[in-house]
C-alpha atoms as a PDB file:
ATOM      1  CA  UNK A   1       1.969 118.810  57.035  1.00  0.00           C
ATOM      2  CA  UNK A   2       5.758 118.569  56.859  1.00  0.00           C
ATOM      3  CA  UNK A   3       7.815 118.357  60.031  1.00  0.00           C
ATOM      4  CA  UNK A   4       9.559 121.693  59.385  1.00  0.00           C
ATOM      5  CA  UNK A   5       6.483 123.666  58.311  1.00  0.00           C
ATOM      6  CA  UNK A   6       5.791 126.903  60.181  1.00  0.00           C
ATOM      7  CA  UNK A   7       2.729 129.115  59.883  1.00  0.00           C
ATOM      8  CA  UNK A   8       1.133 132.358  60.946  1.00  0.00           C
ATOM      9  CA  UNK A   9      -2.564 133.092  61.319  1.00  0.00           C
ATOM     10  CA  UNK A  10      -3.314 133.353  57.586  1.00  0.00           C
ATOM     11  CA  UNK A  11      -1.429 130.276  56.357  1.00  0.00           C
ATOM     12  CA  UNK A  12      -1.816 126.517  56.745  1.00  0.00           C
ATOM     13  CA  UNK A  13      -3.231 125.410  60.113  1.00  0.00           C
ATOM     14  CA  UNK A  14      -3.327 129.053  61.252  1.00  0.00           C
ATOM     15  CA  UNK A  15      -6.119 129.698  58.776  1.00  0.00           C
ATOM     16  CA  UNK A  16      -8.206 126.948  60.308  1.00  0.00           C
ATOM     17  CA  UNK A  17      -7.881 128.688  63.698  1.00  0.00           C
ATOM     18  CA  UNK A  18      -9.163 131.873  62.080  1.00  0.00           C
ATOM     19  CA  UNK A  19     -12.144 129.971  60.651  1.00  0.00           C
ATOM     20  CA  UNK A  20     -12.916 128.538  64.095  1.00  0.00           C
ATOM     21  CA  UNK A  21     -12.819 132.069  65.543  1.00  0.00           C
ATOM     22  CA  UNK A  22     -15.331 133.184  62.914  1.00  0.00           C
ATOM     23  CA  UNK A  23     -17.599 130.289  63.897  1.00  0.00           C
ATOM     24  CA  UNK A  24     -17.348 131.249  67.583  1.00  0.00           C
ATOM     25  CA  UNK A  25     -18.264 134.820  66.659  1.00  0.00           C
ATOM     26  CA  UNK A  26     -21.368 133.579  64.829  1.00  0.00           C
ATOM     27  CA  UNK A  27     -22.330 131.388  67.773  1.00  0.00           C
ATOM     28  CA  UNK A  28     -21.995 134.389  70.088  1.00  0.00           C
ATOM     29  CA  UNK A  29     -24.709 136.216  68.096  1.00  0.00           C
ATOM     30  CA  UNK A  30     -27.327 133.524  68.774  1.00  0.00           C
ATOM     31  CA  UNK A  31     -30.062 134.098  71.307  1.00  0.00           C
ATOM     32  CA  UNK A  32     -29.622 130.499  72.500  1.00  0.00           C
ATOM     33  CA  UNK A  33     -25.825 130.632  72.278  1.00  0.00           C
ATOM     34  CA  UNK A  34     -23.797 127.948  74.007  1.00  0.00           C
ATOM     35  CA  UNK A  35     -20.789 130.237  74.494  1.00  0.00           C
ATOM     36  CA  UNK A  36     -19.978 133.930  74.443  1.00  0.00           C
ATOM     37  CA  UNK A  37     -16.672 134.945  72.875  1.00  0.00           C
ATOM     38  CA  UNK A  38     -16.425 138.755  72.688  1.00  0.00           C
ATOM     39  CA  UNK A  39     -12.960 138.577  71.107  1.00  0.00           C
ATOM     40  CA  UNK A  40     -13.515 136.152  68.240  1.00  0.00           C
ATOM     41  CA  UNK A  41     -14.767 138.692  65.696  1.00  0.00           C
ATOM     42  CA  UNK A  42     -11.850 141.016  66.452  1.00  0.00           C
ATOM     43  CA  UNK A  43      -9.366 138.267  65.587  1.00  0.00           C
ATOM     44  CA  UNK A  44     -11.024 137.749  62.211  1.00  0.00           C
ATOM     45  CA  UNK A  45     -11.234 141.471  61.456  1.00  0.00           C
ATOM     46  CA  UNK A  46      -7.570 141.996  62.331  1.00  0.00           C
ATOM     47  CA  UNK A  47      -6.372 139.286  59.943  1.00  0.00           C
ATOM     48  CA  UNK A  48      -6.004 139.591  56.198  1.00  0.00           C
ATOM     49  CA  UNK A  49      -7.793 136.366  55.349  1.00  0.00           C
ATOM     50  CA  UNK A  50      -7.660 135.203  51.715  1.00  0.00           C
ATOM     51  CA  UNK A  51     -11.456 134.713  51.602  1.00  0.00           C
ATOM     52  CA  UNK A  52     -14.469 136.129  53.462  1.00  0.00           C
ATOM     53  CA  UNK A  53     -14.980 134.814  56.979  1.00  0.00           C
ATOM     54  CA  UNK A  54     -18.320 136.106  58.295  1.00  0.00           C
ATOM     55  CA  UNK A  55     -18.602 136.932  61.978  1.00  0.00           C
ATOM     56  CA  UNK A  56     -22.271 137.997  62.132  1.00  0.00           C
ATOM     57  CA  UNK A  57     -25.591 136.851  60.628  1.00  0.00           C
ATOM     58  CA  UNK A  58     -25.619 140.010  58.509  1.00  0.00           C
ATOM     59  CA  UNK A  59     -22.282 139.089  56.958  1.00  0.00           C
ATOM     60  CA  UNK A  60     -23.489 135.546  56.269  1.00  0.00           C
ATOM     61  CA  UNK A  61     -26.546 137.011  54.522  1.00  0.00           C
ATOM     62  CA  UNK A  62     -24.267 138.986  52.206  1.00  0.00           C
ATOM     63  CA  UNK A  63     -22.681 135.787  50.899  1.00  0.00           C
ATOM     64  CA  UNK A  64     -24.169 133.923  47.924  1.00  0.00           C
ATOM     65  CA  UNK A  65     -26.817 131.475  49.066  1.00  0.00           C
ATOM     66  CA  UNK A  66     -24.823 128.608  47.572  1.00  0.00           C
ATOM     67  CA  UNK A  67     -21.529 129.629  49.191  1.00  0.00           C
ATOM     68  CA  UNK A  68     -19.820 126.851  51.082  1.00  0.00           C
ATOM     69  CA  UNK A  69     -19.621 128.928  54.263  1.00  0.00           C
ATOM     70  CA  UNK A  70     -23.361 129.634  54.249  1.00  0.00           C
ATOM     71  CA  UNK A  71     -24.052 125.923  53.846  1.00  0.00           C
ATOM     72  CA  UNK A  72     -21.482 124.670  56.328  1.00  0.00           C
ATOM     73  CA  UNK A  73     -23.081 126.018  59.541  1.00  0.00           C
ATOM     74  CA  UNK A  74     -19.699 125.603  61.165  1.00  0.00           C
ATOM     75  CA  UNK A  75     -20.924 127.527  64.208  1.00  0.00           C
ATOM     76  CA  UNK A  76     -23.278 124.655  65.132  1.00  0.00           C
ATOM     77  CA  UNK A  77     -20.431 122.244  65.695  1.00  0.00           C
ATOM     78  CA  UNK A  78     -17.971 124.789  67.121  1.00  0.00           C
ATOM     79  CA  UNK A  79     -20.550 126.014  69.602  1.00  0.00           C
ATOM     80  CA  UNK A  80     -20.960 122.492  70.952  1.00  0.00           C
ATOM     81  CA  UNK A  81     -17.223 121.831  70.965  1.00  0.00           C
ATOM     82  CA  UNK A  82     -16.342 125.080  72.705  1.00  0.00           C
ATOM     83  CA  UNK A  83     -19.051 124.657  75.345  1.00  0.00           C
ATOM     84  CA  UNK A  84     -17.943 121.095  76.019  1.00  0.00           C
ATOM     85  CA  UNK A  85     -14.402 122.170  76.825  1.00  0.00           C
ATOM     86  CA  UNK A  86     -15.490 125.310  78.688  1.00  0.00           C
ATOM     87  CA  UNK A  87     -17.452 122.992  80.964  1.00  0.00           C
ATOM     88  CA  UNK A  88     -14.422 120.720  81.279  1.00  0.00           C
ATOM     89  CA  UNK A  89     -12.303 123.539  82.691  1.00  0.00           C
ATOM     90  CA  UNK A  90     -15.097 124.689  85.005  1.00  0.00           C
ATOM     91  CA  UNK A  91     -15.458 121.190  86.432  1.00  0.00           C
ATOM     92  CA  UNK A  92     -11.680 120.862  86.855  1.00  0.00           C
ATOM     93  CA  UNK A  93     -11.641 124.121  88.796  1.00  0.00           C
ATOM     94  CA  UNK A  94     -14.487 122.943  91.016  1.00  0.00           C
ATOM     95  CA  UNK A  95     -12.437 119.804  91.726  1.00  0.00           C
ATOM     96  CA  UNK A  96      -9.509 121.914  92.920  1.00  0.00           C
ATOM     97  CA  UNK A  97      -7.276 121.824  89.835  1.00  0.00           C
ATOM     98  CA  UNK A  98      -5.403 125.133  89.575  1.00  0.00           C
ATOM     99  CA  UNK A  99      -3.136 124.503  86.587  1.00  0.00           C
ATOM    100  CA  UNK A 100      -4.311 124.283  82.964  1.00  0.00           C
ATOM    101  CA  UNK A 101      -2.490 123.703  79.683  1.00  0.00           C
ATOM    102  CA  UNK A 102      -4.089 124.448  76.310  1.00  0.00           C
ATOM    103  CA  UNK A 103      -2.164 122.678  73.553  1.00  0.00           C
ATOM    104  CA  UNK A 104      -2.062 124.318  70.104  1.00  0.00           C
ATOM    105  CA  UNK A 105      -4.288 127.048  71.519  1.00  0.00           C
ATOM    106  CA  UNK A 106      -4.719 128.974  68.266  1.00  0.00           C
ATOM    107  CA  UNK A 107      -7.131 131.878  68.795  1.00  0.00           C
ATOM    108  CA  UNK A 108      -8.572 130.386  71.956  1.00  0.00           C
ATOM    109  CA  UNK A 109      -9.347 133.250  74.376  1.00  0.00           C
ATOM    110  CA  UNK A 110     -10.415 131.179  77.363  1.00  0.00           C
ATOM    111  CA  UNK A 111      -7.818 132.856  79.583  1.00  0.00           C
ATOM    112  CA  UNK A 112      -9.735 136.112  79.029  1.00  0.00           C
ATOM    113  CA  UNK A 113     -13.345 134.994  78.639  1.00  0.00           C
ATOM    114  CA  UNK A 114     -13.776 132.270  81.276  1.00  0.00           C
ATOM    115  CA  UNK A 115     -14.206 132.758  85.019  1.00  0.00           C
ATOM    116  CA  UNK A 116     -11.267 130.789  86.397  1.00  0.00           C
ATOM    117  CA  UNK A 117     -11.033 129.621  89.979  1.00  0.00           C
ATOM    118  CA  UNK A 118      -8.858 131.877  92.105  1.00  0.00           C
ATOM    119  CA  UNK A 119      -5.192 130.897  91.929  1.00  0.00           C
ATOM    120  CA  UNK A 120      -5.393 129.220  88.508  1.00  0.00           C
ATOM    121  CA  UNK A 121      -2.484 129.429  86.069  1.00  0.00           C
ATOM    122  CA  UNK A 122      -3.253 128.874  82.376  1.00  0.00           C
ATOM    123  CA  UNK A 123      -0.475 127.948  79.957  1.00  0.00           C
ATOM    124  CA  UNK A 124      -1.059 128.268  76.216  1.00  0.00           C
ATOM    125  CA  UNK A 125       1.238 126.543  73.730  1.00  0.00           C
ATOM    126  CA  UNK A 126       1.337 127.457  70.040  1.00  0.00           C
ATOM    127  CA  UNK A 127       3.461 128.790  67.209  1.00  0.00           C
ATOM    128  CA  UNK A 128       5.187 132.092  68.068  1.00  0.00           C
ATOM    129  CA  UNK A 129       3.516 134.044  65.236  1.00  0.00           C
ATOM    130  CA  UNK A 130       0.057 132.805  66.216  1.00  0.00           C
ATOM    131  CA  UNK A 131       0.478 133.793  69.859  1.00  0.00           C
ATOM    132  CA  UNK A 132       1.979 137.155  68.883  1.00  0.00           C
ATOM    133  CA  UNK A 133      -1.000 137.955  66.637  1.00  0.00           C
ATOM    134  CA  UNK A 134      -3.490 136.950  69.296  1.00  0.00           C
ATOM    135  CA  UNK A 135      -1.840 138.981  72.038  1.00  0.00           C
ATOM    136  CA  UNK A 136      -1.625 142.059  69.812  1.00  0.00           C
ATOM    137  CA  UNK A 137      -5.374 141.938  69.166  1.00  0.00           C
ATOM    138  CA  UNK A 138      -6.195 141.338  72.832  1.00  0.00           C
ATOM    139  CA  UNK A 139      -3.942 144.201  73.921  1.00  0.00           C
ATOM    140  CA  UNK A 140      -5.808 146.477  71.514  1.00  0.00           C
ATOM    141  CA  UNK A 141      -9.049 145.517  73.246  1.00  0.00           C
ATOM    142  CA  UNK A 142      -7.587 145.939  76.755  1.00  0.00           C
ATOM    143  CA  UNK A 143      -8.598 142.328  77.345  1.00  0.00           C
ATOM    144  CA  UNK A 144      -7.113 141.152  80.628  1.00  0.00           C
ATOM    145  CA  UNK A 145      -6.878 137.463  81.585  1.00  0.00           C
ATOM    146  CA  UNK A 146      -8.930 136.160  84.493  1.00  0.00           C
ATOM    147  CA  UNK A 147      -6.049 133.982  85.662  1.00  0.00           C
ATOM    148  CA  UNK A 148      -2.269 133.897  85.737  1.00  0.00           C
ATOM    149  CA  UNK A 149      -1.705 133.675  81.982  1.00  0.00           C
ATOM    150  CA  UNK A 150       1.517 132.239  80.565  1.00  0.00           C
ATOM    151  CA  UNK A 151       1.841 131.853  76.778  1.00  0.00           C
ATOM    152  CA  UNK A 152       4.516 129.379  75.678  1.00  0.00           C
ATOM    153  CA  UNK A 153       5.641 130.175  72.139  1.00  0.00           C
ATOM    154  CA  UNK A 154       6.931 126.908  70.734  1.00  0.00           C
ATOM    155  CA  UNK A 155       6.043 124.360  68.073  1.00  0.00           C
ATOM    156  CA  UNK A 156       4.648 121.139  69.531  1.00  0.00           C
ATOM    157  CA  UNK A 157       7.101 119.251  67.308  1.00  0.00           C
ATOM    158  CA  UNK A 158       9.941 120.758  69.370  1.00  0.00           C
ATOM    159  CA  UNK A 159      10.804 120.183  73.035  1.00  0.00           C
ATOM    160  CA  UNK A 160       7.641 121.839  74.300  1.00  0.00           C
ATOM    161  CA  UNK A 161       7.672 120.051  77.653  1.00  0.00           C
ATOM    162  CA  UNK A 162      10.970 121.734  78.588  1.00  0.00           C
ATOM    163  CA  UNK A 163       9.638 125.126  77.458  1.00  0.00           C
ATOM    164  CA  UNK A 164       6.480 124.562  79.485  1.00  0.00           C
ATOM    165  CA  UNK A 165       8.475 123.757  82.613  1.00  0.00           C
ATOM    166  CA  UNK A 166      10.657 126.817  82.076  1.00  0.00           C
ATOM    167  CA  UNK A 167       7.481 128.918  81.947  1.00  0.00           C
ATOM    168  CA  UNK A 168       6.597 127.797  85.465  1.00  0.00           C
ATOM    169  CA  UNK A 169       4.601 124.613  84.919  1.00  0.00           C
ATOM    170  CA  UNK A 170       4.685 122.370  87.993  1.00  0.00           C
ATOM    171  CA  UNK A 171       4.421 118.652  87.148  1.00  0.00           C
ATOM    172  CA  UNK A 172       3.870 117.834  90.823  1.00  0.00           C
ATOM    173  CA  UNK A 173       0.477 119.576  90.733  1.00  0.00           C
ATOM    174  CA  UNK A 174      -2.700 118.263  89.046  1.00  0.00           C
ATOM    175  CA  UNK A 175      -3.270 119.720  85.595  1.00  0.00           C
ATOM    176  CA  UNK A 176      -6.262 120.166  83.292  1.00  0.00           C
ATOM    177  CA  UNK A 177      -5.009 119.535  79.742  1.00  0.00           C
ATOM    178  CA  UNK A 178      -6.875 120.365  76.538  1.00  0.00           C
ATOM    179  CA  UNK A 179      -6.163 119.101  73.003  1.00  0.00           C
ATOM    180  CA  UNK A 180      -8.915 120.759  70.957  1.00  0.00           C
ATOM    181  CA  UNK A 181      -8.755 120.531  67.177  1.00  0.00           C
ATOM    182  CA  UNK A 182      -5.252 119.084  67.362  1.00  0.00           C
ATOM    183  CA  UNK A 183      -5.054 115.296  66.985  1.00  0.00           C
ATOM    184  CA  UNK A 184      -6.296 115.131  63.358  1.00  0.00           C
ATOM    185  CA  UNK A 185      -3.278 117.171  62.258  1.00  0.00           C
ATOM    186  CA  UNK A 186      -0.757 114.858  63.932  1.00  0.00           C
ATOM    187  CA  UNK A 187       0.789 111.770  62.345  1.00  0.00           C
ATOM    188  CA  UNK A 188       0.547 108.605  64.429  1.00  0.00           C
ATOM    189  CA  UNK A 189       3.995 108.843  66.008  1.00  0.00           C
ATOM    190  CA  UNK A 190       3.472 112.481  67.031  1.00  0.00           C
ATOM    191  CA  UNK A 191       0.083 111.714  68.571  1.00  0.00           C
ATOM    192  CA  UNK A 192       1.483 108.855  70.616  1.00  0.00           C
ATOM    193  CA  UNK A 193       4.401 110.974  71.772  1.00  0.00           C
ATOM    194  CA  UNK A 194       2.051 113.800  72.764  1.00  0.00           C
ATOM    195  CA  UNK A 195      -0.123 111.514  74.878  1.00  0.00           C
ATOM    196  CA  UNK A 196       2.938 109.893  76.463  1.00  0.00           C
ATOM    197  CA  UNK A 197       4.344 113.303  77.375  1.00  0.00           C
ATOM    198  CA  UNK A 198       1.059 114.436  78.888  1.00  0.00           C
ATOM    199  CA  UNK A 199       0.972 111.271  80.983  1.00  0.00           C
ATOM    200  CA  UNK A 200       4.570 111.797  82.123  1.00  0.00           C
ATOM    201  CA  UNK A 201       3.913 115.397  83.156  1.00  0.00           C
ATOM    202  CA  UNK A 202       0.596 114.702  84.883  1.00  0.00           C
ATOM    203  CA  UNK A 203       0.360 114.348  88.629  1.00  0.00           C
ATOM    204  CA  UNK A 204      -2.415 112.167  90.073  1.00  0.00           C
ATOM    205  CA  UNK A 205      -5.710 114.017  89.886  1.00  0.00           C
ATOM    206  CA  UNK A 206      -4.897 115.488  86.472  1.00  0.00           C
ATOM    207  CA  UNK A 207      -7.520 115.632  83.725  1.00  0.00           C
ATOM    208  CA  UNK A 208      -7.367 115.599  79.936  1.00  0.00           C
ATOM    209  CA  UNK A 209      -9.982 116.577  77.357  1.00  0.00           C
ATOM    210  CA  UNK A 210      -9.488 115.648  73.708  1.00  0.00           C
ATOM    211  CA  UNK A 211     -11.436 116.188  70.507  1.00  0.00           C
ATOM    212  CA  UNK A 212     -10.952 112.920  68.662  1.00  0.00           C
ATOM    213  CA  UNK A 213     -12.040 111.675  65.252  1.00  0.00           C
ATOM    214  CA  UNK A 214     -12.393 108.297  63.637  1.00  0.00           C
ATOM    215  CA  UNK A 215     -10.926 108.370  60.112  1.00  0.00           C
ATOM    216  CA  UNK A 216     -11.055 112.157  59.852  1.00  0.00           C
ATOM    217  CA  UNK A 217      -9.264 112.137  56.513  1.00  0.00           C
ATOM    218  CA  UNK A 218     -12.114 110.149  55.003  1.00  0.00           C
ATOM    219  CA  UNK A 219     -14.591 112.856  56.050  1.00  0.00           C
ATOM    220  CA  UNK A 220     -12.900 115.326  53.744  1.00  0.00           C
ATOM    221  CA  UNK A 221     -13.036 112.932  50.844  1.00  0.00           C
ATOM    222  CA  UNK A 222     -16.539 114.401  50.559  1.00  0.00           C
ATOM    223  CA  UNK A 223     -16.053 117.046  47.866  1.00  0.00           C
ATOM    224  CA  UNK A 224     -18.507 119.476  49.485  1.00  0.00           C
ATOM    225  CA  UNK A 225     -16.428 119.536  52.669  1.00  0.00           C
ATOM    226  CA  UNK A 226     -13.181 119.676  50.726  1.00  0.00           C
ATOM    227  CA  UNK A 227     -14.454 122.780  48.944  1.00  0.00           C
ATOM    228  CA  UNK A 228     -14.879 124.487  52.312  1.00  0.00           C
ATOM    229  CA  UNK A 229     -11.129 124.610  52.841  1.00  0.00           C
ATOM    230  CA  UNK A 230     -10.439 125.504  49.233  1.00  0.00           C
ATOM    231  CA  UNK A 231     -12.211 128.835  49.707  1.00  0.00           C
ATOM    232  CA  UNK A 232      -9.266 129.692  51.951  1.00  0.00           C
ATOM    233  CA  UNK A 233      -6.689 128.247  49.587  1.00  0.00           C
ATOM    234  CA  UNK A 234      -6.409 125.067  51.661  1.00  0.00           C
ATOM    235  CA  UNK A 235      -6.936 121.444  50.828  1.00  0.00           C
ATOM    236  CA  UNK A 236      -7.773 119.939  54.216  1.00  0.00           C
ATOM    237  CA  UNK A 237      -6.741 116.542  52.947  1.00  0.00           C
ATOM    238  CA  UNK A 238      -3.148 117.775  52.813  1.00  0.00           C
ATOM    239  CA  UNK A 239      -3.258 118.754  56.492  1.00  0.00           C
ATOM    240  CA  UNK A 240      -5.135 115.857  58.074  1.00  0.00           C
ATOM    241  CA  UNK A 241      -3.866 112.377  58.832  1.00  0.00           C
ATOM    242  CA  UNK A 242      -6.125 109.373  58.354  1.00  0.00           C
ATOM    243  CA  UNK A 243      -3.638 106.566  58.948  1.00  0.00           C
ATOM    244  CA  UNK A 244      -4.666 103.578  61.010  1.00  0.00           C
ATOM    245  CA  UNK A 245      -3.535 104.211  64.565  1.00  0.00           C
ATOM    246  CA  UNK A 246      -4.337 103.127  68.132  1.00  0.00           C
ATOM    247  CA  UNK A 247      -7.465 104.808  69.445  1.00  0.00           C
ATOM    248  CA  UNK A 248      -6.622 107.724  71.762  1.00  0.00           C
ATOM    249  CA  UNK A 249      -9.083 106.558  74.457  1.00  0.00           C
ATOM    250  CA  UNK A 250      -7.451 103.113  74.437  1.00  0.00           C
ATOM    251  CA  UNK A 251      -3.989 104.642  74.712  1.00  0.00           C
ATOM    252  CA  UNK A 252      -5.056 106.680  77.733  1.00  0.00           C
ATOM    253  CA  UNK A 253      -6.677 103.673  79.373  1.00  0.00           C
ATOM    254  CA  UNK A 254      -3.407 101.846  78.803  1.00  0.00           C
ATOM    255  CA  UNK A 255      -1.689 104.550  80.872  1.00  0.00           C
ATOM    256  CA  UNK A 256      -4.196 103.908  83.662  1.00  0.00           C
ATOM    257  CA  UNK A 257      -6.404 106.957  83.037  1.00  0.00           C
ATOM    258  CA  UNK A 258     -10.145 106.579  83.619  1.00  0.00           C
ATOM    259  CA  UNK A 259     -11.621 107.573  80.272  1.00  0.00           C
ATOM    260  CA  UNK A 260     -15.090 108.394  78.984  1.00  0.00           C
ATOM    261  CA  UNK A 261     -16.107 109.035  75.377  1.00  0.00           C
ATOM    262  CA  UNK A 262     -19.192 110.835  74.077  1.00  0.00           C
ATOM    263  CA  UNK A 263     -20.069 111.303  70.414  1.00  0.00           C
ATOM    264  CA  UNK A 264     -20.616 114.807  69.069  1.00  0.00           C
ATOM    265  CA  UNK A 265     -24.257 114.124  68.229  1.00  0.00           C
ATOM    266  CA  UNK A 266     -25.015 112.948  71.766  1.00  0.00           C
ATOM    267  CA  UNK A 267     -23.146 115.877  73.263  1.00  0.00           C
ATOM    268  CA  UNK A 268     -25.058 118.314  71.038  1.00  0.00           C
ATOM    269  CA  UNK A 269     -28.366 116.763  72.089  1.00  0.00           C
ATOM    270  CA  UNK A 270     -27.504 117.308  75.744  1.00  0.00           C
ATOM    271  CA  UNK A 271     -26.941 120.979  74.954  1.00  0.00           C
ATOM    272  CA  UNK A 272     -30.206 121.165  73.026  1.00  0.00           C
ATOM    273  CA  UNK A 273     -28.443 121.694  69.714  1.00  0.00           C
ATOM    274  CA  UNK A 274     -29.084 119.916  66.406  1.00  0.00           C
ATOM    275  CA  UNK A 275     -25.948 119.671  64.279  1.00  0.00           C
ATOM    276  CA  UNK A 276     -26.851 120.551  60.691  1.00  0.00           C
ATOM    277  CA  UNK A 277     -25.136 121.748  57.526  1.00  0.00           C
ATOM    278  CA  UNK A 278     -21.942 120.388  56.010  1.00  0.00           C
ATOM    279  CA  UNK A 279     -20.217 120.233  59.383  1.00  0.00           C
ATOM    280  CA  UNK A 280     -23.090 118.153  60.661  1.00  0.00           C
ATOM    281  CA  UNK A 281     -21.637 115.373  58.536  1.00  0.00           C
ATOM    282  CA  UNK A 282     -18.797 115.155  61.040  1.00  0.00           C
ATOM    283  CA  UNK A 283     -21.044 113.964  63.858  1.00  0.00           C
ATOM    284  CA  UNK A 284     -20.627 110.277  63.108  1.00  0.00           C
ATOM    285  CA  UNK A 285     -16.838 110.566  63.394  1.00  0.00           C
ATOM    286  CA  UNK A 286     -16.343 113.286  66.030  1.00  0.00           C
ATOM    287  CA  UNK A 287     -16.198 112.435  69.701  1.00  0.00           C
ATOM    288  CA  UNK A 288     -15.177 114.134  72.914  1.00  0.00           C
ATOM    289  CA  UNK A 289     -12.836 112.274  75.249  1.00  0.00           C
ATOM    290  CA  UNK A 290     -12.409 113.135  78.916  1.00  0.00           C
ATOM    291  CA  UNK A 291      -9.862 111.327  81.059  1.00  0.00           C
ATOM    292  CA  UNK A 292      -8.862 111.444  84.718  1.00  0.00           C
ATOM    293  CA  UNK A 293      -5.598 110.206  86.219  1.00  0.00           C
ATOM    294  CA  UNK A 294      -6.502 108.456  89.487  1.00  0.00           C
ATOM    295  CA  UNK A 295      -5.049 109.812  92.709  1.00  0.00           C
END
């Protein structure tokens, strides 16, 4: 990804957000679903995606049996990931945190679908075109947020901290931060700067949840996984960074944050879910990081 690259919902990283929405829609159809996202399918239907993105079991059944999407079972992993971070926000609310920031929010609809503690303000940061598309779809569904909702339309490679503050963010109050599906797309310097900025803006009592990967670029050296992105006209290896860098949990511990790490496979087991399909190959590299800044 180049430093000046921009995208909407059907190009570059935007397309990956659309794919994640499709996976959340599929998860929502399960009897033993880990999450319920009533808006995910609408996002997919409203977009002019370059390849089919099924949002129901019936649509999956219409695909060729050997299609990459049918084999990927992306909803298995995304169900676990989404539930993990839904729980993170619920626990932060129970602890009294009333300010949340979702970084590179994509088609995340947590502001609308989660039950937020009274008095919570949720900030969402992403590309202007992505946020505009999402809000247009939500307005068409009369989907109201269950919190004070403040989108911040800015690229994370710009001065997003200033834009966040201008939107009403209060750095003197504890914050629940989420970086979901973000770090693999950042080069080392950008990742370090992001974590440093979060630390600087976080009052004691703040929390951070991160989806982290070990050598994510190497995962997509597997041709079967690489083909998954190619159905959308993407080569994931062009978007992901696999350079050797300090481990995010170690960086956070260096800032004084108390940090815990749980692998995706262990997290899935706790939710009673077995990660299968092509995306199940990510379990050895994927991990969920939760950190707390001591008071």
